Amino acid sequence: LGTGIGRDDFNADKLRYHKIILMADADVDGAHIRTLLLTFFYRQMPQIIDGGFLYIAQPPLYKVARGKSEVYLKDQAAFEDYLIQQGTEGAVLRLGDGTEIAGADLARVVEGARSFRRVLDAFPTHYPRGILEQAALSGAFDAGRADGDLQLVANTVAQRLDAVALEYEKGWSGRITQDHGIRLSRILRGVEELRTLDGAVLRSGEARKLSQFAGGLKEHFTTEAQLVRKDRELPIHGPTDLLKAILTEGEKGLSLQRYKGLGEMNPEQLWETTLDPDARTLLQVRVDDVAEADDVFTKLMGDVVEPRREFIQQNALNVENLDF
C-alpha cells in the first residue's frame, strides 16, 4: 500500500490504491479471517477506513442450478431463503381445522419456524429437540403460567408426543418434579424411557425466548397439519417439521455446489461473481460511531478475556445468525 503502518507512521498521502478490497472465503473461517483483517485496518490504518477506501468482497458460498438457470448465493442464510422461496411455491399448509395457508402467509409462518429453530438449537444438546418443541407449543415455557397449571402442561406435552410417535412407541405420561420441572416417561420394549425438563430450563432465558416465538406458531400446530404440494401430503407436527419439509421440497431438482474457498472456483466463476466491476457486489467499510466501534473492538478483539466473556453471556440470546 506504500503508507507505512501504525497511527504514528501511517501516511495516507502515500496510498497507492483508493479501493482496497478484502477477499475471504464465504464460510465461517472466512468470516473469522475477515474480522482479523478489519481489526488490523481499524487499529493500524484507520485513515483508510475514514477515507472510504476499504471494501469487502461478497463471494458466493453456493451455486444452485435448476435446468439452465443458475443462481449464486452469498451464504447459508441466503441459501435457506432461496430454498424457502422455492419450497413454498405452490405449497399449502392445511391445518387440523381445515384452514389453508399459502403464498406470503405461508412464507411468514415458515420464517417464524426458522427463528424458532434457531432458538431451539441454542439449548444444551442433552435436551431432546422434539420434546423441547412440543413443550414450547404446550405452554411449558410461558412466563405467565401459574405453577398449578404445570401438571396440565405436562399432560399436554405427553399427548403431543404420543401424536407424533409411531403406534408402538406411544404411551407417554407426564408429571411434575420437585423443582417444578416436567418429567416425561414411557415404556418402550419393556424398558422405561425418561426425559426431564428441569425447573431451571423451564425458567431460563432460552425458554423465555422460545416461548415468544412459539406464541405466534401455536395456533397452527394444535393438531397434526398437512403440507400439500404437487399432489403430495406430508404430516406436520410442529415448526421444525414444517421448516424441514419446505427446505426439502425447495431442494428437489436442484444441482448444488458449495464453495469451501475462493480457490475452488474456476477463473471464469471468480470473475463473474466476485471480481467483475460491472457485476460484483462490494460492501464499503464505514465507522459511523467511533466510540461504539472502539468499544466493540476492545471487548471482542482485545487482550482482556473477561469483557469478552461478559459480552457473549449478555448477548447470546439475542443472536439470530450464529456462524453462518
Protein backbone atom coordinates (compact mmCIF):
# COMPACT_ATOMS: atom_id res chain seq x y z
CA LEU A 1 0.00 0.00 0.00
CA GLY A 2 3.02 2.26 0.45
CA THR A 3 1.65 4.05 3.52
CA GLY A 4 3.58 2.67 6.46
CA ILE A 5 1.90 1.01 9.45
CA GLY A 6 0.69 2.34 12.80
CA ARG A 7 -1.02 5.51 13.92
CA ASP A 8 2.29 7.41 14.14
CA ASP A 9 3.95 6.11 10.94
CA PHE A 10 0.93 5.92 8.62
CA ASN A 11 0.90 8.47 5.78
CA ALA A 12 -2.32 8.47 3.78
CA ASP A 13 -0.81 10.73 1.12
CA LYS A 14 1.39 7.84 0.01
CA LEU A 15 -1.54 5.45 -0.52
CA ARG A 16 -1.17 3.81 -3.93
CA TYR A 17 -4.72 2.46 -4.23
CA HIS A 18 -8.04 4.08 -3.38
CA LYS A 19 -10.07 0.87 -3.48
CA ILE A 20 -8.72 -1.86 -1.20
CA ILE A 21 -10.88 -4.99 -1.29
CA LEU A 22 -10.79 -7.71 1.36
CA MET A 23 -11.47 -11.12 -0.19
CA ALA A 24 -12.04 -14.10 2.08
CA ASP A 25 -13.93 -17.37 1.80
CA ALA A 26 -17.69 -17.10 2.26
CA ASP A 27 -17.81 -19.65 5.10
CA VAL A 28 -17.25 -19.24 8.84
CA ASP A 29 -13.46 -19.49 8.55
CA GLY A 30 -13.52 -16.69 6.02
CA ALA A 31 -15.60 -14.56 8.38
CA HIS A 32 -13.02 -15.05 11.12
CA ILE A 33 -10.17 -14.06 8.80
CA ARG A 34 -12.11 -11.02 7.61
CA THR A 35 -12.65 -9.95 11.22
CA LEU A 36 -8.92 -10.13 11.89
CA LEU A 37 -8.17 -8.05 8.79
CA LEU A 38 -10.76 -5.46 9.77
CA THR A 39 -9.21 -5.27 13.23
CA PHE A 40 -5.80 -4.69 11.65
CA PHE A 41 -7.02 -1.83 9.47
CA TYR A 42 -9.02 -0.28 12.31
CA ARG A 43 -6.09 -0.35 14.71
CA GLN A 44 -3.16 0.29 12.36
CA MET A 45 -4.55 2.16 9.33
CA PRO A 46 -7.77 3.89 10.44
CA GLN A 47 -7.37 6.63 7.81
CA ILE A 48 -8.04 4.06 5.08
CA ILE A 49 -11.46 3.39 6.63
CA ASP A 50 -12.10 7.09 7.25
CA GLY A 51 -11.30 7.85 3.61
CA GLY A 52 -13.78 5.25 2.34
CA PHE A 53 -11.06 3.19 0.66
CA LEU A 54 -11.74 -0.19 2.33
CA TYR A 55 -14.28 -2.63 0.86
CA ILE A 56 -15.36 -6.21 1.48
CA ALA A 57 -15.92 -8.54 -1.46
CA GLN A 58 -19.05 -10.70 -1.46
CA PRO A 59 -18.09 -14.09 -2.94
CA PRO A 60 -20.84 -16.71 -3.00
CA LEU A 61 -20.92 -19.76 -0.78
CA TYR A 62 -23.28 -21.70 -3.06
CA LYS A 63 -24.17 -22.10 -6.69
CA VAL A 64 -27.55 -23.68 -7.38
CA ALA A 65 -28.85 -24.68 -10.77
CA ARG A 66 -32.25 -25.85 -11.94
CA GLY A 67 -32.33 -26.67 -15.62
CA LYS A 68 -30.46 -23.92 -17.44
CA SER A 69 -30.96 -21.38 -14.66
CA GLU A 70 -28.04 -20.73 -12.30
CA VAL A 71 -28.02 -18.62 -9.13
CA TYR A 72 -25.12 -17.73 -6.84
CA LEU A 73 -25.96 -17.36 -3.14
CA LYS A 74 -23.83 -15.44 -0.69
CA ASP A 75 -24.16 -17.51 2.48
CA GLN A 76 -26.16 -20.14 4.35
CA ALA A 77 -28.91 -17.67 5.19
CA ALA A 78 -29.31 -16.71 1.52
CA PHE A 79 -29.34 -20.41 0.59
CA GLU A 80 -32.17 -21.09 3.04
CA ASP A 81 -34.01 -18.01 1.77
CA TYR A 82 -33.81 -19.44 -1.75
CA LEU A 83 -34.98 -22.91 -0.68
CA ILE A 84 -37.91 -21.43 1.25
CA GLN A 85 -38.91 -19.36 -1.77
CA GLN A 86 -38.78 -22.45 -3.98
CA GLY A 87 -40.37 -24.77 -1.41
CA THR A 88 -43.35 -22.54 -0.61
CA GLU A 89 -44.17 -22.03 -4.29
CA GLY A 90 -47.36 -23.94 -4.95
CA ALA A 91 -47.44 -25.29 -1.38
CA VAL A 92 -50.38 -25.19 1.04
CA LEU A 93 -50.30 -25.78 4.79
CA ARG A 94 -53.62 -27.38 5.72
CA LEU A 95 -54.33 -27.10 9.43
CA GLY A 96 -56.26 -29.61 11.51
CA ASP A 97 -59.42 -27.48 11.36
CA GLY A 98 -59.27 -27.32 7.55
CA THR A 99 -57.80 -23.80 7.32
CA GLU A 100 -55.35 -23.46 4.44
CA ILE A 101 -52.28 -21.18 4.46
CA ALA A 102 -50.38 -20.42 1.26
CA GLY A 103 -48.34 -17.77 -0.51
CA ALA A 104 -46.94 -14.90 1.54
CA ASP A 105 -48.82 -16.07 4.65
CA LEU A 106 -47.14 -19.48 4.44
CA ALA A 107 -43.74 -17.83 3.91
CA ARG A 108 -44.26 -15.84 7.13
CA VAL A 109 -45.13 -18.99 9.08
CA VAL A 110 -42.03 -20.73 7.70
CA GLU A 111 -39.86 -17.75 8.65
CA GLY A 112 -41.30 -17.96 12.16
CA ALA A 113 -40.43 -21.67 12.22
CA ARG A 114 -36.92 -20.77 11.12
CA SER A 115 -36.49 -18.35 14.02
CA PHE A 116 -37.98 -20.96 16.36
CA ARG A 117 -35.38 -23.49 15.22
CA ARG A 118 -32.51 -21.05 15.82
CA VAL A 119 -33.55 -20.60 19.44
CA LEU A 120 -34.15 -24.34 19.83
CA ASP A 121 -30.59 -25.03 18.66
CA ALA A 122 -29.25 -22.78 21.45
CA PHE A 123 -30.36 -25.23 24.15
CA PRO A 124 -27.82 -27.70 25.57
CA THR A 125 -27.70 -30.82 23.44
CA HIS A 126 -28.81 -33.20 26.21
CA TYR A 127 -32.33 -31.79 25.98
CA PRO A 128 -34.13 -33.65 23.13
CA ARG A 129 -35.22 -31.17 20.49
CA GLY A 130 -38.54 -32.88 19.83
CA ILE A 131 -39.53 -32.70 23.50
CA LEU A 132 -38.44 -29.06 23.79
CA GLU A 133 -40.52 -28.21 20.73
CA GLN A 134 -43.68 -29.91 21.96
CA ALA A 135 -43.17 -28.42 25.43
CA ALA A 136 -42.94 -24.91 23.95
CA LEU A 137 -46.10 -25.45 21.89
CA SER A 138 -47.85 -26.71 25.05
CA GLY A 139 -47.02 -23.55 27.02
CA ALA A 140 -44.43 -25.10 29.34
CA PHE A 141 -42.14 -22.08 28.97
CA ASP A 142 -44.80 -19.35 29.22
CA ALA A 143 -43.79 -16.73 31.79
CA GLY A 144 -47.38 -16.07 32.88
CA ARG A 145 -48.17 -19.71 33.55
CA ALA A 146 -49.24 -20.48 37.13
CA ASP A 147 -47.49 -23.34 38.93
CA GLY A 148 -50.86 -25.02 39.35
CA ASP A 149 -51.15 -25.34 35.59
CA LEU A 150 -47.89 -27.27 35.26
CA GLN A 151 -49.49 -30.72 35.56
CA LEU A 152 -51.93 -29.81 32.80
CA VAL A 153 -48.99 -28.69 30.68
CA ALA A 154 -47.14 -31.95 31.42
CA ASN A 155 -50.20 -33.92 30.31
CA THR A 156 -50.46 -31.85 27.12
CA VAL A 157 -46.78 -32.41 26.27
CA ALA A 158 -47.27 -36.17 26.74
CA GLN A 159 -50.34 -36.13 24.48
CA ARG A 160 -48.48 -34.20 21.79
CA LEU A 161 -45.54 -36.61 21.95
CA ASP A 162 -47.95 -39.52 21.50
CA ALA A 163 -49.46 -37.79 18.47
CA VAL A 164 -46.00 -37.60 16.87
CA ALA A 165 -44.86 -41.12 17.84
CA LEU A 166 -45.36 -44.30 15.87
CA GLU A 167 -48.16 -46.52 17.15
CA TYR A 168 -45.84 -48.92 19.01
CA GLU A 169 -43.90 -46.02 20.57
CA LYS A 170 -46.85 -44.26 22.22
CA GLY A 171 -47.65 -44.25 25.93
CA TRP A 172 -46.04 -41.04 27.17
CA SER A 173 -47.10 -39.69 30.56
CA GLY A 174 -46.01 -36.53 32.35
CA ARG A 175 -45.63 -35.45 35.95
CA ILE A 176 -44.18 -32.54 37.91
CA THR A 177 -40.74 -32.80 39.53
CA GLN A 178 -39.78 -31.37 42.93
CA ASP A 179 -38.01 -28.41 41.31
CA HIS A 180 -41.17 -27.55 39.32
CA GLY A 181 -39.94 -29.14 36.14
CA ILE A 182 -41.55 -31.82 33.96
CA ARG A 183 -40.64 -35.50 33.80
CA LEU A 184 -41.90 -37.49 30.83
CA SER A 185 -41.81 -41.26 30.64
CA ARG A 186 -42.99 -44.22 28.58
CA ILE A 187 -42.39 -47.95 28.44
CA LEU A 188 -40.65 -48.89 25.20
CA ARG A 189 -39.91 -52.57 24.53
CA GLY A 190 -40.19 -53.30 28.24
CA VAL A 191 -37.77 -50.56 29.27
CA GLU A 192 -38.79 -47.27 30.89
CA GLU A 193 -37.59 -44.22 28.97
CA LEU A 194 -37.29 -40.99 30.97
CA ARG A 195 -36.90 -37.43 29.72
CA THR A 196 -36.72 -34.49 32.12
CA LEU A 197 -37.07 -30.77 31.58
CA ASP A 198 -35.86 -29.47 34.93
CA GLY A 199 -37.24 -26.36 36.56
CA ALA A 200 -34.11 -24.38 35.73
CA VAL A 201 -34.51 -24.86 31.98
CA LEU A 202 -38.25 -24.06 32.15
CA ARG A 203 -37.34 -20.69 33.70
CA SER A 204 -34.22 -20.00 31.61
CA GLY A 205 -33.65 -17.14 29.19
CA GLU A 206 -33.60 -19.59 26.29
CA ALA A 207 -37.02 -20.88 27.39
CA ARG A 208 -38.46 -17.36 27.51
CA LYS A 209 -37.27 -16.60 24.01
CA LEU A 210 -38.50 -19.96 22.69
CA SER A 211 -41.88 -19.20 24.25
CA GLN A 212 -42.00 -15.86 22.43
CA PHE A 213 -41.51 -17.50 19.04
CA ALA A 214 -43.84 -20.38 19.90
CA GLY A 215 -46.59 -17.89 20.75
CA GLY A 216 -47.06 -16.94 17.11
CA LEU A 217 -46.99 -20.56 15.96
CA LYS A 218 -49.17 -22.43 18.47
CA GLU A 219 -52.42 -21.79 16.62
CA HIS A 220 -51.07 -23.53 13.52
CA PHE A 221 -49.96 -26.70 15.30
CA THR A 222 -52.67 -27.51 17.84
CA THR A 223 -53.21 -30.78 15.96
CA GLU A 224 -51.48 -32.52 13.06
CA ALA A 225 -51.31 -30.39 9.92
CA GLN A 226 -50.56 -31.37 6.33
CA LEU A 227 -48.19 -29.75 3.85
CA VAL A 228 -49.72 -30.20 0.40
CA ARG A 229 -47.52 -29.68 -2.65
CA LYS A 230 -47.70 -31.21 -6.11
CA ASP A 231 -50.17 -33.94 -5.13
CA ARG A 232 -48.08 -34.91 -2.09
CA GLU A 233 -49.24 -34.63 1.51
CA LEU A 234 -46.68 -34.56 4.32
CA PRO A 235 -47.68 -34.78 8.02
CA ILE A 236 -46.57 -31.73 10.02
CA HIS A 237 -46.48 -31.84 13.83
CA GLY A 238 -44.64 -28.63 14.59
CA PRO A 239 -42.48 -25.77 13.30
CA THR A 240 -39.35 -27.86 12.75
CA ASP A 241 -41.35 -30.41 10.73
CA LEU A 242 -42.66 -27.59 8.55
CA LEU A 243 -39.26 -25.98 8.03
CA LYS A 244 -37.61 -29.31 7.21
CA ALA A 245 -40.36 -30.22 4.73
CA ILE A 246 -40.20 -26.83 2.97
CA LEU A 247 -36.40 -26.93 2.70
CA THR A 248 -36.56 -30.50 1.35
CA GLU A 249 -39.20 -29.55 -1.21
CA GLY A 250 -37.20 -26.48 -2.23
CA GLU A 251 -34.07 -28.52 -2.82
CA LYS A 252 -35.74 -31.05 -5.13
CA GLY A 253 -34.47 -30.83 -8.68
CA LEU A 254 -31.56 -28.56 -7.75
CA SER A 255 -27.95 -29.08 -8.62
CA LEU A 256 -25.95 -27.72 -5.70
CA GLN A 257 -22.31 -26.71 -5.43
CA ARG A 258 -20.82 -25.39 -2.20
CA TYR A 259 -17.56 -23.49 -2.43
CA LYS A 260 -15.30 -24.22 0.54
CA GLY A 261 -12.99 -21.44 -0.62
CA LEU A 262 -12.26 -18.98 -3.38
CA GLY A 263 -9.67 -21.40 -4.76
CA GLU A 264 -12.42 -23.91 -5.61
CA MET A 265 -13.87 -21.59 -8.25
CA ASN A 266 -12.58 -21.66 -11.76
CA PRO A 267 -11.30 -18.30 -13.07
CA GLU A 268 -14.48 -17.57 -15.02
CA GLN A 269 -16.68 -18.13 -11.94
CA LEU A 270 -14.46 -16.00 -9.72
CA TRP A 271 -14.55 -13.18 -12.26
CA GLU A 272 -18.31 -13.43 -12.77
CA THR A 273 -19.26 -13.50 -9.09
CA THR A 274 -16.58 -11.53 -7.26
CA LEU A 275 -14.17 -9.60 -9.49
CA ASP A 276 -16.11 -8.16 -12.44
CA PRO A 277 -16.55 -4.40 -11.68
CA ASP A 278 -19.79 -4.36 -13.67
CA ALA A 279 -21.40 -7.23 -11.76
CA ARG A 280 -19.74 -7.64 -8.37
CA THR A 281 -21.16 -6.52 -5.04
CA LEU A 282 -18.89 -4.67 -2.62
CA LEU A 283 -19.55 -3.53 0.93
CA GLN A 284 -17.84 -0.30 1.89
CA VAL A 285 -16.43 -0.33 5.41
CA ARG A 286 -17.51 2.71 7.42
CA VAL A 287 -17.33 3.70 11.07
CA ASP A 288 -20.39 5.78 11.94
CA ASP A 289 -19.83 5.79 15.70
CA VAL A 290 -16.14 5.86 16.65
CA ALA A 291 -16.73 5.41 20.38
CA GLU A 292 -19.02 2.40 19.88
CA ALA A 293 -16.67 0.82 17.33
CA ASP A 294 -13.70 1.25 19.64
CA ASP A 295 -15.64 -0.32 22.50
CA VAL A 296 -16.64 -3.33 20.38
CA PHE A 297 -13.11 -3.90 19.04
CA THR A 298 -11.67 -3.58 22.55
CA LYS A 299 -14.16 -6.06 24.01
CA LEU A 300 -14.14 -8.66 21.26
CA MET A 301 -10.61 -8.41 19.87
CA GLY A 302 -8.64 -7.15 22.88
CA ASP A 303 -6.23 -9.00 25.14
CA VAL A 304 -8.51 -8.98 28.20
CA VAL A 305 -10.79 -12.03 28.31
CA GLU A 306 -13.34 -11.02 30.95
CA PRO A 307 -15.12 -8.23 28.98
CA ARG A 308 -15.43 -10.58 26.01
CA ARG A 309 -16.94 -13.31 28.19
CA GLU A 310 -19.44 -10.86 29.69
CA PHE A 311 -20.42 -9.58 26.24
CA ILE A 312 -21.09 -13.11 24.99
CA GLN A 313 -23.11 -14.05 28.07
CA GLN A 314 -25.22 -10.89 27.89
CA ASN A 315 -25.93 -11.10 24.16
CA ALA A 316 -26.05 -14.84 23.47
CA LEU A 317 -29.86 -14.97 23.47
CA ASN A 318 -30.16 -12.06 21.04
CA VAL A 319 -28.11 -13.62 18.26
CA GLU A 320 -30.02 -14.62 15.11
CA ASN A 321 -27.33 -15.85 12.70
CA LEU A 322 -24.50 -17.54 14.57
CA ASP A 323 -21.58 -18.71 12.42
CA PHE A 324 -23.49 -18.56 9.14
